[in-house]
């Protein structure tokens, strides 16, 4: 990343704000793919882990990448 000047960020690939919204994400996928919930199959969210997480959880998840976490916090503070 030094070659491009980009910085690693800790993001978590968030799709929704709370785990309870997973089903809503699936419904939106159904609409986008023009299919039904019953036919969604592997296009559905595999689990409810793609939600916003508290800072302590992000620190635990990215314990091996503290610089990525620091870069993410700096990006948030800059906005």
C-alpha atoms as a PDB file:
ATOM      1  CA  UNK A   1       0.000   0.000   0.000  1.00  0.00           C
ATOM      2  CA  UNK A   2       3.004   2.235   0.353  1.00  0.00           C
ATOM      3  CA  UNK A   3       3.324   2.111  -3.437  1.00  0.00           C
ATOM      4  CA  UNK A   4      -0.116   3.653  -3.988  1.00  0.00           C
ATOM      5  CA  UNK A   5      -0.315   5.871  -0.926  1.00  0.00           C
ATOM      6  CA  UNK A   6      -3.512   4.195   0.251  1.00  0.00           C
ATOM      7  CA  UNK A   7      -4.121   3.166   3.831  1.00  0.00           C
ATOM      8  CA  UNK A   8      -5.687  -0.041   5.094  1.00  0.00           C
ATOM      9  CA  UNK A   9      -9.089   0.460   6.754  1.00  0.00           C
ATOM     10  CA  UNK A  10     -11.017  -1.736   9.182  1.00  0.00           C
ATOM     11  CA  UNK A  11     -14.547  -1.770   7.780  1.00  0.00           C
ATOM     12  CA  UNK A  12     -16.336  -5.059   8.486  1.00  0.00           C
ATOM     13  CA  UNK A  13     -18.216  -5.018   5.147  1.00  0.00           C
ATOM     14  CA  UNK A  14     -21.306  -3.504   6.780  1.00  0.00           C
ATOM     15  CA  UNK A  15     -24.661  -3.849   5.009  1.00  0.00           C
ATOM     16  CA  UNK A  16     -27.093  -2.804   7.761  1.00  0.00           C
ATOM     17  CA  UNK A  17     -27.057  -1.047  11.113  1.00  0.00           C
ATOM     18  CA  UNK A  18     -28.417  -3.841  13.343  1.00  0.00           C
ATOM     19  CA  UNK A  19     -28.414  -7.663  13.087  1.00  0.00           C
ATOM     20  CA  UNK A  20     -32.215  -7.664  13.103  1.00  0.00           C
ATOM     21  CA  UNK A  21     -32.118  -5.971   9.683  1.00  0.00           C
ATOM     22  CA  UNK A  22     -30.668  -9.006   7.909  1.00  0.00           C
ATOM     23  CA  UNK A  23     -34.086 -10.051   6.629  1.00  0.00           C
ATOM     24  CA  UNK A  24     -34.632  -6.560   5.228  1.00  0.00           C
ATOM     25  CA  UNK A  25     -31.306  -6.844   3.420  1.00  0.00           C
ATOM     26  CA  UNK A  26     -32.534 -10.137   1.948  1.00  0.00           C
ATOM     27  CA  UNK A  27     -35.777  -8.505   0.780  1.00  0.00           C
ATOM     28  CA  UNK A  28     -33.801  -5.715  -0.881  1.00  0.00           C
ATOM     29  CA  UNK A  29     -31.661  -8.366  -2.605  1.00  0.00           C
ATOM     30  CA  UNK A  30     -34.849 -10.083  -3.792  1.00  0.00           C
ATOM     31  CA  UNK A  31     -36.036  -6.812  -5.312  1.00  0.00           C
ATOM     32  CA  UNK A  32     -32.659  -6.134  -6.944  1.00  0.00           C
ATOM     33  CA  UNK A  33     -32.461  -9.650  -8.416  1.00  0.00           C
ATOM     34  CA  UNK A  34     -36.157  -9.746  -9.344  1.00  0.00           C
ATOM     35  CA  UNK A  35     -36.727 -13.064  -7.616  1.00  0.00           C
ATOM     36  CA  UNK A  36     -38.505 -14.379  -4.509  1.00  0.00           C
ATOM     37  CA  UNK A  37     -37.276 -14.960  -0.980  1.00  0.00           C
ATOM     38  CA  UNK A  38     -37.813 -18.696  -1.457  1.00  0.00           C
ATOM     39  CA  UNK A  39     -35.624 -18.676  -4.577  1.00  0.00           C
ATOM     40  CA  UNK A  40     -32.918 -16.391  -3.170  1.00  0.00           C
ATOM     41  CA  UNK A  41     -30.572 -19.217  -2.162  1.00  0.00           C
ATOM     42  CA  UNK A  42     -26.891 -18.234  -1.859  1.00  0.00           C
ATOM     43  CA  UNK A  43     -27.634 -14.618  -2.782  1.00  0.00           C
ATOM     44  CA  UNK A  44     -29.118 -14.179   0.705  1.00  0.00           C
ATOM     45  CA  UNK A  45     -26.951 -12.872   3.517  1.00  0.00           C
ATOM     46  CA  UNK A  46     -25.227 -15.872   5.085  1.00  0.00           C
ATOM     47  CA  UNK A  47     -25.540 -14.494   8.619  1.00  0.00           C
ATOM     48  CA  UNK A  48     -26.316 -11.339  10.556  1.00  0.00           C
ATOM     49  CA  UNK A  49     -22.695 -10.320  11.131  1.00  0.00           C
ATOM     50  CA  UNK A  50     -22.602  -7.565   8.513  1.00  0.00           C
ATOM     51  CA  UNK A  51     -23.886  -4.851  10.840  1.00  0.00           C
ATOM     52  CA  UNK A  52     -22.297  -1.878  12.567  1.00  0.00           C
ATOM     53  CA  UNK A  53     -20.286  -2.955  15.588  1.00  0.00           C
ATOM     54  CA  UNK A  54     -19.237  -1.135  18.757  1.00  0.00           C
ATOM     55  CA  UNK A  55     -15.671   0.172  18.964  1.00  0.00           C
ATOM     56  CA  UNK A  56     -14.639  -2.534  21.450  1.00  0.00           C
ATOM     57  CA  UNK A  57     -15.823  -5.285  19.084  1.00  0.00           C
ATOM     58  CA  UNK A  58     -13.990  -3.700  16.145  1.00  0.00           C
ATOM     59  CA  UNK A  59     -10.835  -3.501  18.287  1.00  0.00           C
ATOM     60  CA  UNK A  60     -11.171  -7.204  19.096  1.00  0.00           C
ATOM     61  CA  UNK A  61     -11.822  -8.178  15.477  1.00  0.00           C
ATOM     62  CA  UNK A  62      -8.891  -6.137  14.167  1.00  0.00           C
ATOM     63  CA  UNK A  63      -6.468  -6.751  17.047  1.00  0.00           C
ATOM     64  CA  UNK A  64      -3.862  -7.988  14.557  1.00  0.00           C
ATOM     65  CA  UNK A  65      -4.278  -4.808  12.463  1.00  0.00           C
ATOM     66  CA  UNK A  66      -4.256  -1.839  14.860  1.00  0.00           C
ATOM     67  CA  UNK A  67      -3.087   0.547  12.139  1.00  0.00           C
ATOM     68  CA  UNK A  68      -6.161  -0.298  10.029  1.00  0.00           C
ATOM     69  CA  UNK A  69      -8.384   0.522  12.986  1.00  0.00           C
ATOM     70  CA  UNK A  70      -6.525   3.788  13.609  1.00  0.00           C
ATOM     71  CA  UNK A  71      -6.827   4.709   9.908  1.00  0.00           C
ATOM     72  CA  UNK A  72     -10.576   4.040  10.012  1.00  0.00           C
ATOM     73  CA  UNK A  73     -11.004   6.255  13.081  1.00  0.00           C
ATOM     74  CA  UNK A  74      -8.956   9.015  11.425  1.00  0.00           C
ATOM     75  CA  UNK A  75     -11.130   8.806   8.312  1.00  0.00           C
ATOM     76  CA  UNK A  76     -14.277   9.108  10.436  1.00  0.00           C
ATOM     77  CA  UNK A  77     -12.916  12.088  12.320  1.00  0.00           C
ATOM     78  CA  UNK A  78     -11.980  13.799   9.046  1.00  0.00           C
ATOM     79  CA  UNK A  79     -15.526  13.617   7.672  1.00  0.00           C
END
